């Protein structure tokens, strides 16, 4: 059952990635056409070339930003995992110390 769920989740992730990449490609092309269209002194072929280059540049920047985001997310995951482990050790230590003190106090109170 878990294997099928994992396969379904992986399939959905692939579909989501594909749809996101297609949306980014469409956005880059639209931005390129809009930019090239603003350069009214260019001919149609030149506008097409400028539009294509703009779209390529747009996609390259987007890939770089995504890669930087992935790197930063990995750094943060490691940092917070380290902090959580340190906090867990402190809480366990404090709980053990409190338990020890309570036990000691009970022993002292139970003495005749």
PDB file of N, CA and C in Angstrom:
ATOM      1  N   UNK A   1       0.820  -1.195   0.000  1.00  0.00           N
ATOM      2  CA  UNK A   1       0.000   0.000   0.000  1.00  0.00           C
ATOM      3  C   UNK A   1       0.868   1.265   0.000  1.00  0.00           C
ATOM      4  N   UNK A   2       1.894   1.287   0.862  1.00  0.00           N
ATOM      5  CA  UNK A   2       2.790   2.445   0.915  1.00  0.00           C
ATOM      6  C   UNK A   2       3.548   2.621  -0.386  1.00  0.00           C
ATOM      7  N   UNK A   3       3.913   1.506  -1.008  1.00  0.00           N
ATOM      8  CA  UNK A   3       4.663   1.576  -2.261  1.00  0.00           C
ATOM      9  C   UNK A   3       3.822   2.240  -3.345  1.00  0.00           C
ATOM     10  N   UNK A   4       2.547   1.882  -3.407  1.00  0.00           N
ATOM     11  CA  UNK A   4       1.661   2.492  -4.403  1.00  0.00           C
ATOM     12  C   UNK A   4       1.475   3.973  -4.121  1.00  0.00           C
ATOM     13  N   UNK A   5       1.385   4.314  -2.840  1.00  0.00           N
ATOM     14  CA  UNK A   5       1.228   5.721  -2.464  1.00  0.00           C
ATOM     15  C   UNK A   5       2.478   6.505  -2.836  1.00  0.00           C
ATOM     16  N   UNK A   6       3.642   5.914  -2.603  1.00  0.00           N
ATOM     17  CA  UNK A   6       4.901   6.573  -2.962  1.00  0.00           C
ATOM     18  C   UNK A   6       5.013   6.753  -4.473  1.00  0.00           C
ATOM     19  N   UNK A   7       4.623   5.745  -5.221  1.00  0.00           N
ATOM     20  CA  UNK A   7       4.643   5.842  -6.683  1.00  0.00           C
ATOM     21  C   UNK A   7       3.697   6.929  -7.168  1.00  0.00           C
ATOM     22  N   UNK A   8       2.516   6.987  -6.564  1.00  0.00           N
ATOM     23  CA  UNK A   8       1.545   8.018  -6.949  1.00  0.00           C
ATOM     24  C   UNK A   8       2.083   9.411  -6.625  1.00  0.00           C
ATOM     25  N   UNK A   9       2.700   9.554  -5.451  1.00  0.00           N
ATOM     26  CA  UNK A   9       3.264  10.849  -5.062  1.00  0.00           C
ATOM     27  C   UNK A   9       4.387  11.254  -6.004  1.00  0.00           C
ATOM     28  N   UNK A  10       5.226  10.292  -6.388  1.00  0.00           N
ATOM     29  CA  UNK A  10       6.314  10.592  -7.320  1.00  0.00           C
ATOM     30  C   UNK A  10       5.765  10.981  -8.686  1.00  0.00           C
ATOM     31  N   UNK A  11       4.733  10.280  -9.123  1.00  0.00           N
ATOM     32  CA  UNK A  11       4.106  10.618 -10.408  1.00  0.00           C
ATOM     33  C   UNK A  11       3.504  12.006 -10.389  1.00  0.00           C
ATOM     34  N   UNK A  12       2.826  12.339  -9.296  1.00  0.00           N
ATOM     35  CA  UNK A  12       2.243  13.682  -9.180  1.00  0.00           C
ATOM     36  C   UNK A  12       3.332  14.754  -9.140  1.00  0.00           C
ATOM     37  N   UNK A  13       4.436  14.460  -8.484  1.00  0.00           N
ATOM     38  CA  UNK A  13       5.552  15.419  -8.434  1.00  0.00           C
ATOM     39  C   UNK A  13       6.132  15.646  -9.825  1.00  0.00           C
ATOM     40  N   UNK A  14       6.248  14.565 -10.610  1.00  0.00           N
ATOM     41  CA  UNK A  14       6.752  14.717 -11.981  1.00  0.00           C
ATOM     42  C   UNK A  14       5.794  15.549 -12.821  1.00  0.00           C
ATOM     43  N   UNK A  15       4.500  15.302 -12.679  1.00  0.00           N
ATOM     44  CA  UNK A  15       3.503  16.073 -13.439  1.00  0.00           C
ATOM     45  C   UNK A  15       3.563  17.541 -13.023  1.00  0.00           C
ATOM     46  N   UNK A  16       3.660  17.773 -11.721  1.00  0.00           N
ATOM     47  CA  UNK A  16       3.743  19.152 -11.234  1.00  0.00           C
ATOM     48  C   UNK A  16       4.988  19.847 -11.786  1.00  0.00           C
ATOM     49  N   UNK A  17       6.117  19.150 -11.784  1.00  0.00           N
ATOM     50  CA  UNK A  17       7.351  19.720 -12.324  1.00  0.00           C
ATOM     51  C   UNK A  17       7.223  20.045 -13.797  1.00  0.00           C
ATOM     52  N   UNK A  18       6.594  19.132 -14.539  1.00  0.00           N
ATOM     53  CA  UNK A  18       6.395  19.368 -15.975  1.00  0.00           C
ATOM     54  C   UNK A  18       5.510  20.596 -16.189  1.00  0.00           C
ATOM     55  N   UNK A  19       4.416  20.690 -15.453  1.00  0.00           N
ATOM     56  CA  UNK A  19       3.511  21.833 -15.615  1.00  0.00           C
ATOM     57  C   UNK A  19       4.191  23.141 -15.225  1.00  0.00           C
ATOM     58  N   UNK A  20       5.006  23.089 -14.183  1.00  0.00           N
ATOM     59  CA  UNK A  20       5.721  24.303 -13.778  1.00  0.00           C
ATOM     60  C   UNK A  20       6.736  24.717 -14.830  1.00  0.00           C
ATOM     61  N   UNK A  21       7.438  23.749 -15.416  1.00  0.00           N
ATOM     62  CA  UNK A  21       8.422  24.094 -16.445  1.00  0.00           C
ATOM     63  C   UNK A  21       7.733  24.645 -17.690  1.00  0.00           C
ATOM     64  N   UNK A  22       6.579  24.097 -18.040  1.00  0.00           N
ATOM     65  CA  UNK A  22       5.841  24.604 -19.198  1.00  0.00           C
ATOM     66  C   UNK A  22       5.334  26.024 -18.935  1.00  0.00           C
ATOM     67  N   UNK A  23       4.893  26.285 -17.710  1.00  0.00           N
ATOM     68  CA  UNK A  23       4.443  27.638 -17.357  1.00  0.00           C
ATOM     69  C   UNK A  23       5.612  28.625 -17.417  1.00  0.00           C
ATOM     70  N   UNK A  24       6.782  28.194 -16.936  1.00  0.00           N
ATOM     71  CA  UNK A  24       7.963  29.066 -16.984  1.00  0.00           C
ATOM     72  C   UNK A  24       8.372  29.334 -18.423  1.00  0.00           C
ATOM     73  N   UNK A  25       8.312  28.315 -19.265  1.00  0.00           N
ATOM     74  CA  UNK A  25       8.645  28.481 -20.678  1.00  0.00           C
ATOM     75  C   UNK A  25       7.670  29.436 -21.357  1.00  0.00           C
ATOM     76  N   UNK A  26       6.387  29.259 -21.085  1.00  0.00           N
ATOM     77  CA  UNK A  26       5.376  30.139 -21.668  1.00  0.00           C
ATOM     78  C   UNK A  26       5.584  31.588 -21.199  1.00  0.00           C
ATOM     79  N   UNK A  27       5.860  31.750 -19.914  1.00  0.00           N
ATOM     80  CA  UNK A  27       6.089  33.099 -19.381  1.00  0.00           C
ATOM     81  C   UNK A  27       7.316  33.741 -20.026  1.00  0.00           C
ATOM     82  N   UNK A  28       8.390  32.964 -20.180  1.00  0.00           N
ATOM     83  CA  UNK A  28       9.608  33.496 -20.797  1.00  0.00           C
ATOM     84  C   UNK A  28       9.340  33.929 -22.232  1.00  0.00           C
ATOM     85  N   UNK A  29       8.606  33.125 -22.960  1.00  0.00           N
ATOM     86  CA  UNK A  29       8.286  33.483 -24.345  1.00  0.00           C
ATOM     87  C   UNK A  29       7.417  34.745 -24.396  1.00  0.00           C
ATOM     88  N   UNK A  30       6.420  34.818 -23.528  1.00  0.00           N
ATOM     89  CA  UNK A  30       5.559  36.000 -23.506  1.00  0.00           C
ATOM     90  C   UNK A  30       6.341  37.253 -23.159  1.00  0.00           C
ATOM     91  N   UNK A  31       7.235  37.134 -22.173  1.00  0.00           N
ATOM     92  CA  UNK A  31       8.065  38.283 -21.793  1.00  0.00           C
ATOM     93  C   UNK A  31       8.986  38.678 -22.941  1.00  0.00           C
ATOM     94  N   UNK A  32       9.535  37.693 -23.625  1.00  0.00           N
ATOM     95  CA  UNK A  32      10.407  37.978 -24.772  1.00  0.00           C
ATOM     96  C   UNK A  32       9.664  38.680 -25.887  1.00  0.00           C
ATOM     97  N   UNK A  33       8.467  38.210 -26.189  1.00  0.00           N
ATOM     98  CA  UNK A  33       7.659  38.848 -27.245  1.00  0.00           C
ATOM     99  C   UNK A  33       7.299  40.273 -26.846  1.00  0.00           C
ATOM    100  N   UNK A  34       6.928  40.471 -25.580  1.00  0.00           N
ATOM    101  CA  UNK A  34       6.575  41.821 -25.120  1.00  0.00           C
ATOM    102  C   UNK A  34       7.778  42.755 -25.200  1.00  0.00           C
ATOM    103  N   UNK A  35       8.936  42.258 -24.786  1.00  0.00           N
ATOM    104  CA  UNK A  35      10.135  43.090 -24.832  1.00  0.00           C
ATOM    105  C   UNK A  35      10.505  43.432 -26.265  1.00  0.00           C
ATOM    106  N   UNK A  36      10.535  42.421 -27.108  1.00  0.00           N
ATOM    107  CA  UNK A  36      10.914  42.653 -28.504  1.00  0.00           C
ATOM    108  C   UNK A  36       9.885  43.539 -29.198  1.00  0.00           C
ATOM    109  N   UNK A  37       8.623  43.412 -28.840  1.00  0.00           N
ATOM    110  CA  UNK A  37       7.579  44.245 -29.438  1.00  0.00           C
ATOM    111  C   UNK A  37       7.728  45.712 -29.093  1.00  0.00           C
ATOM    112  N   UNK A  38       8.368  45.983 -27.951  1.00  0.00           N
ATOM    113  CA  UNK A  38       8.569  47.384 -27.576  1.00  0.00           C
ATOM    114  C   UNK A  38       9.681  48.045 -28.393  1.00  0.00           C
ATOM    115  N   UNK A  39      10.475  47.242 -29.065  1.00  0.00           N
ATOM    116  CA  UNK A  39      11.554  47.759 -29.911  1.00  0.00           C
ATOM    117  C   UNK A  39      11.010  47.897 -31.337  1.00  0.00           C
ATOM    118  N   UNK A  40      10.227  48.942 -31.543  1.00  0.00           N
ATOM    119  CA  UNK A  40       9.470  49.094 -32.792  1.00  0.00           C
ATOM    120  C   UNK A  40      10.355  49.325 -34.015  1.00  0.00           C
ATOM    121  N   UNK A  41      11.574  49.754 -33.830  1.00  0.00           N
ATOM    122  CA  UNK A  41      12.441  50.023 -34.977  1.00  0.00           C
ATOM    123  C   UNK A  41      13.062  48.748 -35.561  1.00  0.00           C
ATOM    124  N   UNK A  42      12.891  47.628 -34.853  1.00  0.00           N
ATOM    125  CA  UNK A  42      13.421  46.367 -35.373  1.00  0.00           C
ATOM    126  C   UNK A  42      12.458  45.741 -36.362  1.00  0.00           C
ATOM    127  N   UNK A  43      13.002  45.025 -37.309  1.00  0.00           N
ATOM    128  CA  UNK A  43      12.174  44.285 -38.252  1.00  0.00           C
ATOM    129  C   UNK A  43      11.644  43.013 -37.605  1.00  0.00           C
ATOM    130  N   UNK A  44      10.725  42.326 -38.281  1.00  0.00           N
ATOM    131  CA  UNK A  44      10.129  41.119 -37.699  1.00  0.00           C
ATOM    132  C   UNK A  44      11.148  40.024 -37.359  1.00  0.00           C
ATOM    133  N   UNK A  45      12.118  39.793 -38.224  1.00  0.00           N
ATOM    134  CA  UNK A  45      13.133  38.775 -37.940  1.00  0.00           C
ATOM    135  C   UNK A  45      13.993  39.171 -36.741  1.00  0.00           C
ATOM    136  N   UNK A  46      14.366  40.432 -36.704  1.00  0.00           N
ATOM    137  CA  UNK A  46      15.175  40.913 -35.588  1.00  0.00           C
ATOM    138  C   UNK A  46      14.387  40.827 -34.284  1.00  0.00           C
ATOM    139  N   UNK A  47      13.090  41.167 -34.338  1.00  0.00           N
ATOM    140  CA  UNK A  47      12.263  41.056 -33.134  1.00  0.00           C
ATOM    141  C   UNK A  47      12.157  39.604 -32.678  1.00  0.00           C
ATOM    142  N   UNK A  48      12.042  38.692 -33.618  1.00  0.00           N
ATOM    143  CA  UNK A  48      12.000  37.270 -33.261  1.00  0.00           C
ATOM    144  C   UNK A  48      13.291  36.830 -32.579  1.00  0.00           C
ATOM    145  N   UNK A  49      14.417  37.289 -33.121  1.00  0.00           N
ATOM    146  CA  UNK A  49      15.703  36.921 -32.530  1.00  0.00           C
ATOM    147  C   UNK A  49      15.853  37.508 -31.130  1.00  0.00           C
ATOM    148  N   UNK A  50      15.495  38.789 -30.978  1.00  0.00           N
ATOM    149  CA  UNK A  50      15.572  39.429 -29.665  1.00  0.00           C
ATOM    150  C   UNK A  50      14.636  38.722 -28.687  1.00  0.00           C
ATOM    151  N   UNK A  51      13.448  38.386 -29.167  1.00  0.00           N
ATOM    152  CA  UNK A  51      12.478  37.692 -28.332  1.00  0.00           C
ATOM    153  C   UNK A  51      13.030  36.345 -27.862  1.00  0.00           C
ATOM    154  N   UNK A  52      13.631  35.583 -28.765  1.00  0.00           N
ATOM    155  CA  UNK A  52      14.203  34.283 -28.400  1.00  0.00           C
ATOM    156  C   UNK A  52      15.344  34.436 -27.401  1.00  0.00           C
ATOM    157  N   UNK A  53      16.214  35.391 -27.643  1.00  0.00           N
ATOM    158  CA  UNK A  53      17.350  35.593 -26.736  1.00  0.00           C
ATOM    159  C   UNK A  53      16.873  36.047 -25.360  1.00  0.00           C
ATOM    160  N   UNK A  54      15.868  36.917 -25.351  1.00  0.00           N
ATOM    161  CA  UNK A  54      15.327  37.372 -24.078  1.00  0.00           C
ATOM    162  C   UNK A  54      14.735  36.185 -23.314  1.00  0.00           C
ATOM    163  N   UNK A  55      13.985  35.338 -24.008  1.00  0.00           N
ATOM    164  CA  UNK A  55      13.367  34.170 -23.371  1.00  0.00           C
ATOM    165  C   UNK A  55      14.439  33.232 -22.826  1.00  0.00           C
ATOM    166  N   UNK A  56      15.511  33.001 -23.581  1.00  0.00           N
ATOM    167  CA  UNK A  56      16.597  32.144 -23.112  1.00  0.00           C
ATOM    168  C   UNK A  56      17.251  32.723 -21.866  1.00  0.00           C
ATOM    169  N   UNK A  57      17.474  34.038 -21.891  1.00  0.00           N
ATOM    170  CA  UNK A  57      18.075  34.712 -20.742  1.00  0.00           C
ATOM    171  C   UNK A  57      17.149  34.601 -19.527  1.00  0.00           C
ATOM    172  N   UNK A  58      15.874  34.820 -19.742  1.00  0.00           N
ATOM    173  CA  UNK A  58      14.878  34.733 -18.680  1.00  0.00           C
ATOM    174  C   UNK A  58      14.889  33.330 -18.055  1.00  0.00           C
ATOM    175  N   UNK A  59      14.913  32.294 -18.876  1.00  0.00           N
ATOM    176  CA  UNK A  59      14.922  30.925 -18.375  1.00  0.00           C
ATOM    177  C   UNK A  59      16.223  30.600 -17.634  1.00  0.00           C
ATOM    178  N   UNK A  60      17.334  31.108 -18.139  1.00  0.00           N
ATOM    179  CA  UNK A  60      18.612  30.869 -17.473  1.00  0.00           C
ATOM    180  C   UNK A  60      18.615  31.496 -16.083  1.00  0.00           C
ATOM    181  N   UNK A  61      18.120  32.734 -15.989  1.00  0.00           N
ATOM    182  CA  UNK A  61      18.040  33.391 -14.684  1.00  0.00           C
ATOM    183  C   UNK A  61      17.128  32.625 -13.740  1.00  0.00           C
ATOM    184  N   UNK A  62      16.040  32.139 -14.261  1.00  0.00           N
ATOM    185  CA  UNK A  62      15.099  31.383 -13.432  1.00  0.00           C
ATOM    186  C   UNK A  62      15.730  30.088 -12.919  1.00  0.00           C
ATOM    187  N   UNK A  63      16.478  29.393 -13.780  1.00  0.00           N
ATOM    188  CA  UNK A  63      17.170  28.176 -13.355  1.00  0.00           C
ATOM    189  C   UNK A  63      18.195  28.483 -12.266  1.00  0.00           C
ATOM    190  N   UNK A  64      18.940  29.576 -12.438  1.00  0.00           N
ATOM    191  CA  UNK A  64      19.948  29.957 -11.448  1.00  0.00           C
ATOM    192  C   UNK A  64      19.295  30.284 -10.105  1.00  0.00           C
ATOM    193  N   UNK A  65      18.179  31.006 -10.145  1.00  0.00           N
ATOM    194  CA  UNK A  65      17.477  31.348  -8.909  1.00  0.00           C
ATOM    195  C   UNK A  65      16.935  30.092  -8.234  1.00  0.00           C
ATOM    196  N   UNK A  66      16.408  29.168  -9.023  1.00  0.00           N
ATOM    197  CA  UNK A  66      15.897  27.921  -8.461  1.00  0.00           C
ATOM    198  C   UNK A  66      17.027  27.111  -7.837  1.00  0.00           C
ATOM    199  N   UNK A  67      18.160  27.039  -8.519  1.00  0.00           N
ATOM    200  CA  UNK A  67      19.300  26.293  -7.976  1.00  0.00           C
ATOM    201  C   UNK A  67      19.782  26.924  -6.663  1.00  0.00           C
ATOM    202  N   UNK A  68      19.815  28.257  -6.620  1.00  0.00           N
ATOM    203  CA  UNK A  68      20.221  28.941  -5.395  1.00  0.00           C
ATOM    204  C   UNK A  68      19.225  28.682  -4.269  1.00  0.00           C
ATOM    205  N   UNK A  69      17.955  28.628  -4.601  1.00  0.00           N
ATOM    206  CA  UNK A  69      16.923  28.350  -3.605  1.00  0.00           C
ATOM    207  C   UNK A  69      17.066  26.935  -3.056  1.00  0.00           C
ATOM    208  N   UNK A  70      17.368  25.983  -3.928  1.00  0.00           N
ATOM    209  CA  UNK A  70      17.551  24.592  -3.495  1.00  0.00           C
ATOM    210  C   UNK A  70      18.759  24.495  -2.563  1.00  0.00           C
ATOM    211  N   UNK A  71      19.847  25.171  -2.918  1.00  0.00           N
ATOM    212  CA  UNK A  71      21.039  25.149  -2.080  1.00  0.00           C
ATOM    213  C   UNK A  71      20.731  25.750  -0.715  1.00  0.00           C
ATOM    214  N   UNK A  72      20.043  26.879  -0.702  1.00  0.00           N
ATOM    215  CA  UNK A  72      19.721  27.538   0.572  1.00  0.00           C
ATOM    216  C   UNK A  72      18.771  26.684   1.403  1.00  0.00           C
ATOM    217  N   UNK A  73      17.804  26.042   0.770  1.00  0.00           N
ATOM    218  CA  UNK A  73      16.872  25.178   1.502  1.00  0.00           C
ATOM    219  C   UNK A  73      17.620  24.023   2.155  1.00  0.00           C
ATOM    220  N   UNK A  74      18.594  23.473   1.448  1.00  0.00           N
ATOM    221  CA  UNK A  74      19.404  22.383   2.005  1.00  0.00           C
ATOM    222  C   UNK A  74      20.213  22.885   3.196  1.00  0.00           C
ATOM    223  N   UNK A  75      20.802  24.067   3.066  1.00  0.00           N
ATOM    224  CA  UNK A  75      21.566  24.645   4.174  1.00  0.00           C
ATOM    225  C   UNK A  75      20.674  24.859   5.387  1.00  0.00           C
ATOM    226  N   UNK A  76      19.485  25.406   5.168  1.00  0.00           N
ATOM    227  CA  UNK A  76      18.570  25.651   6.279  1.00  0.00           C
ATOM    228  C   UNK A  76      18.105  24.352   6.925  1.00  0.00           C
ATOM    229  N   UNK A  77      17.828  23.339   6.109  1.00  0.00           N
ATOM    230  CA  UNK A  77      17.409  22.045   6.659  1.00  0.00           C
ATOM    231  C   UNK A  77      18.484  21.493   7.581  1.00  0.00           C
ATOM    232  N   UNK A  78      19.744  21.555   7.141  1.00  0.00           N
ATOM    233  CA  UNK A  78      20.841  21.048   7.969  1.00  0.00           C
ATOM    234  C   UNK A  78      20.999  21.881   9.239  1.00  0.00           C
ATOM    235  N   UNK A  79      20.900  23.194   9.101  1.00  0.00           N
ATOM    236  CA  UNK A  79      21.058  24.073  10.262  1.00  0.00           C
ATOM    237  C   UNK A  79      19.961  23.809  11.291  1.00  0.00           C
ATOM    238  N   UNK A  80      18.719  23.717  10.841  1.00  0.00           N
ATOM    239  CA  UNK A  80      17.623  23.502  11.776  1.00  0.00           C
ATOM    240  C   UNK A  80      17.632  22.095  12.352  1.00  0.00           C
ATOM    241  N   UNK A  81      18.100  21.107  11.606  1.00  0.00           N
ATOM    242  CA  UNK A  81      18.223  19.753  12.147  1.00  0.00           C
ATOM    243  C   UNK A  81      19.256  19.757  13.279  1.00  0.00           C
ATOM    244  N   UNK A  82      20.356  20.490  13.081  1.00  0.00           N
ATOM    245  CA  UNK A  82      21.386  20.592  14.119  1.00  0.00           C
ATOM    246  C   UNK A  82      20.829  21.303  15.351  1.00  0.00           C
ATOM    247  N   UNK A  83      20.106  22.399  15.131  1.00  0.00           N
ATOM    248  CA  UNK A  83      19.522  23.135  16.260  1.00  0.00           C
ATOM    249  C   UNK A  83      18.507  22.281  17.012  1.00  0.00           C
ATOM    250  N   UNK A  84      17.690  21.545  16.276  1.00  0.00           N
ATOM    251  CA  UNK A  84      16.686  20.699  16.905  1.00  0.00           C
ATOM    252  C   UNK A  84      17.346  19.614  17.743  1.00  0.00           C
ATOM    253  N   UNK A  85      18.397  19.009  17.226  1.00  0.00           N
ATOM    254  CA  UNK A  85      19.101  17.963  17.980  1.00  0.00           C
ATOM    255  C   UNK A  85      19.698  18.537  19.259  1.00  0.00           C
ATOM    256  N   UNK A  86      20.285  19.716  19.164  1.00  0.00           N
ATOM    257  CA  UNK A  86      20.868  20.356  20.343  1.00  0.00           C
ATOM    258  C   UNK A  86      19.784  20.715  21.360  1.00  0.00           C
ATOM    259  N   UNK A  87      18.661  21.234  20.894  1.00  0.00           N
ATOM    260  CA  UNK A  87      17.560  21.568  21.786  1.00  0.00           C
ATOM    261  C   UNK A  87      17.001  20.306  22.449  1.00  0.00           C
ATOM    262  N   UNK A  88      16.868  19.233  21.685  1.00  0.00           N
ATOM    263  CA  UNK A  88      16.360  17.973  22.225  1.00  0.00           C
ATOM    264  C   UNK A  88      17.286  17.466  23.336  1.00  0.00           C
ATOM    265  N   UNK A  89      18.597  17.550  23.106  1.00  0.00           N
ATOM    266  CA  UNK A  89      19.542  17.123  24.146  1.00  0.00           C
ATOM    267  C   UNK A  89      19.391  17.969  25.402  1.00  0.00           C
ATOM    268  N   UNK A  90      19.221  19.263  25.239  1.00  0.00           N
ATOM    269  CA  UNK A  90      19.054  20.142  26.401  1.00  0.00           C
ATOM    270  C   UNK A  90      17.784  19.807  27.170  1.00  0.00           C
ATOM    271  N   UNK A  91      16.685  19.622  26.468  1.00  0.00           N
ATOM    272  CA  UNK A  91      15.413  19.329  27.126  1.00  0.00           C
ATOM    273  C   UNK A  91      15.489  17.995  27.859  1.00  0.00           C
ATOM    274  N   UNK A  92      16.089  16.995  27.236  1.00  0.00           N
ATOM    275  CA  UNK A  92      16.231  15.693  27.894  1.00  0.00           C
ATOM    276  C   UNK A  92      17.121  15.824  29.128  1.00  0.00           C
ATOM    277  N   UNK A  93      18.196  16.585  29.001  1.00  0.00           N
ATOM    278  CA  UNK A  93      19.080  16.810  30.149  1.00  0.00           C
ATOM    279  C   UNK A  93      18.364  17.509  31.280  1.00  0.00           C
ATOM    280  N   UNK A  94      17.596  18.544  30.953  1.00  0.00           N
ATOM    281  CA  UNK A  94      16.846  19.247  31.987  1.00  0.00           C
ATOM    282  C   UNK A  94      15.786  18.357  32.617  1.00  0.00           C
ATOM    283  N   UNK A  95      15.123  17.542  31.803  1.00  0.00           N
ATOM    284  CA  UNK A  95      14.111  16.631  32.343  1.00  0.00           C
ATOM    285  C   UNK A  95      14.753  15.616  33.279  1.00  0.00           C
ATOM    286  N   UNK A  96      15.906  15.086  32.904  1.00  0.00           N
ATOM    287  CA  UNK A  96      16.600  14.132  33.769  1.00  0.00           C
ATOM    288  C   UNK A  96      17.066  14.795  35.067  1.00  0.00           C
ATOM    289  N   UNK A  97      17.556  16.023  34.959  1.00  0.00           N
ATOM    290  CA  UNK A  97      17.991  16.743  36.153  1.00  0.00           C
ATOM    291  C   UNK A  97      16.802  17.016  37.075  1.00  0.00           C
ATOM    292  N   UNK A  98      15.665  17.426  36.491  1.00  0.00           N
ATOM    293  CA  UNK A  98      14.473  17.682  37.298  1.00  0.00           C
ATOM    294  C   UNK A  98      13.990  16.398  37.955  1.00  0.00           C
ATOM    295  N   UNK A  99      14.009  15.297  37.221  1.00  0.00           N
ATOM    296  CA  UNK A  99      13.610  14.012  37.776  1.00  0.00           C
ATOM    297  C   UNK A  99      14.538  13.617  38.925  1.00  0.00           C
ATOM    298  N   UNK A 100      15.824  13.814  38.727  1.00  0.00           N
ATOM    299  CA  UNK A 100      16.802  13.496  39.771  1.00  0.00           C
ATOM    300  C   UNK A 100      16.575  14.334  41.026  1.00  0.00           C
ATOM    301  N   UNK A 101      16.326  15.630  40.838  1.00  0.00           N
ATOM    302  CA  UNK A 101      16.079  16.513  41.985  1.00  0.00           C
ATOM    303  C   UNK A 101      14.798  16.117  42.713  1.00  0.00           C
ATOM    304  N   UNK A 102      13.763  15.801  41.970  1.00  0.00           N
ATOM    305  CA  UNK A 102      12.503  15.381  42.595  1.00  0.00           C
ATOM    306  C   UNK A 102      12.706  14.080  43.364  1.00  0.00           C
ATOM    307  N   UNK A 103      13.438  13.153  42.779  1.00  0.00           N
ATOM    308  CA  UNK A 103      13.706  11.883  43.459  1.00  0.00           C
ATOM    309  C   UNK A 103      14.491  12.119  44.743  1.00  0.00           C
ATOM    310  N   UNK A 104      15.495  12.978  44.644  1.00  0.00           N
ATOM    311  CA  UNK A 104      16.296  13.303  45.819  1.00  0.00           C
ATOM    312  C   UNK A 104      15.437  13.951  46.907  1.00  0.00           C
ATOM    313  N   UNK A 105      14.574  14.865  46.512  1.00  0.00           N
ATOM    314  CA  UNK A 105      13.694  15.539  47.466  1.00  0.00           C
ATOM    315  C   UNK A 105      12.743  14.527  48.112  1.00  0.00           C
ATOM    316  N   UNK A 106      12.218  13.597  47.363  1.00  0.00           N
ATOM    317  CA  UNK A 106      11.327  12.582  47.916  1.00  0.00           C
ATOM    318  C   UNK A 106      12.059  11.675  48.893  1.00  0.00           C
ATOM    319  N   UNK A 107      13.292  11.346  48.581  1.00  0.00           N
ATOM    320  CA  UNK A 107      14.088  10.523  49.488  1.00  0.00           C
ATOM    321  C   UNK A 107      14.316  11.271  50.791  1.00  0.00           C
ATOM    322  N   UNK A 108      14.636  12.542  50.730  1.00  0.00           N
ATOM    323  CA  UNK A 108      14.861  13.335  51.924  1.00  0.00           C
ATOM    324  C   UNK A 108      13.587  13.494  52.761  1.00  0.00           C
ATOM    325  N   UNK A 109      12.461  13.683  52.071  1.00  0.00           N
ATOM    326  CA  UNK A 109      11.192  13.844  52.790  1.00  0.00           C
ATOM    327  C   UNK A 109      10.719  12.520  53.405  1.00  0.00           C
ATOM    328  N   UNK A 110      11.080  11.413  52.824  1.00  0.00           N
ATOM    329  CA  UNK A 110      10.635  10.122  53.304  1.00  0.00           C
ATOM    330  C   UNK A 110      11.455   9.637  54.504  1.00  0.00           C
ATOM    331  N   UNK A 111      12.546  10.259  54.808  1.00  0.00           N
ATOM    332  CA  UNK A 111      13.391   9.866  55.935  1.00  0.00           C
ATOM    333  C   UNK A 111      12.709  10.226  57.238  1.00  0.00           C
ATOM    334  N   UNK A 112      12.774   9.314  58.204  1.00  0.00           N
ATOM    335  CA  UNK A 112      12.163   9.608  59.520  1.00  0.00           C
ATOM    336  C   UNK A 112      12.964  10.550  60.365  1.00  0.00           C
TER     337      UNK A 112
END
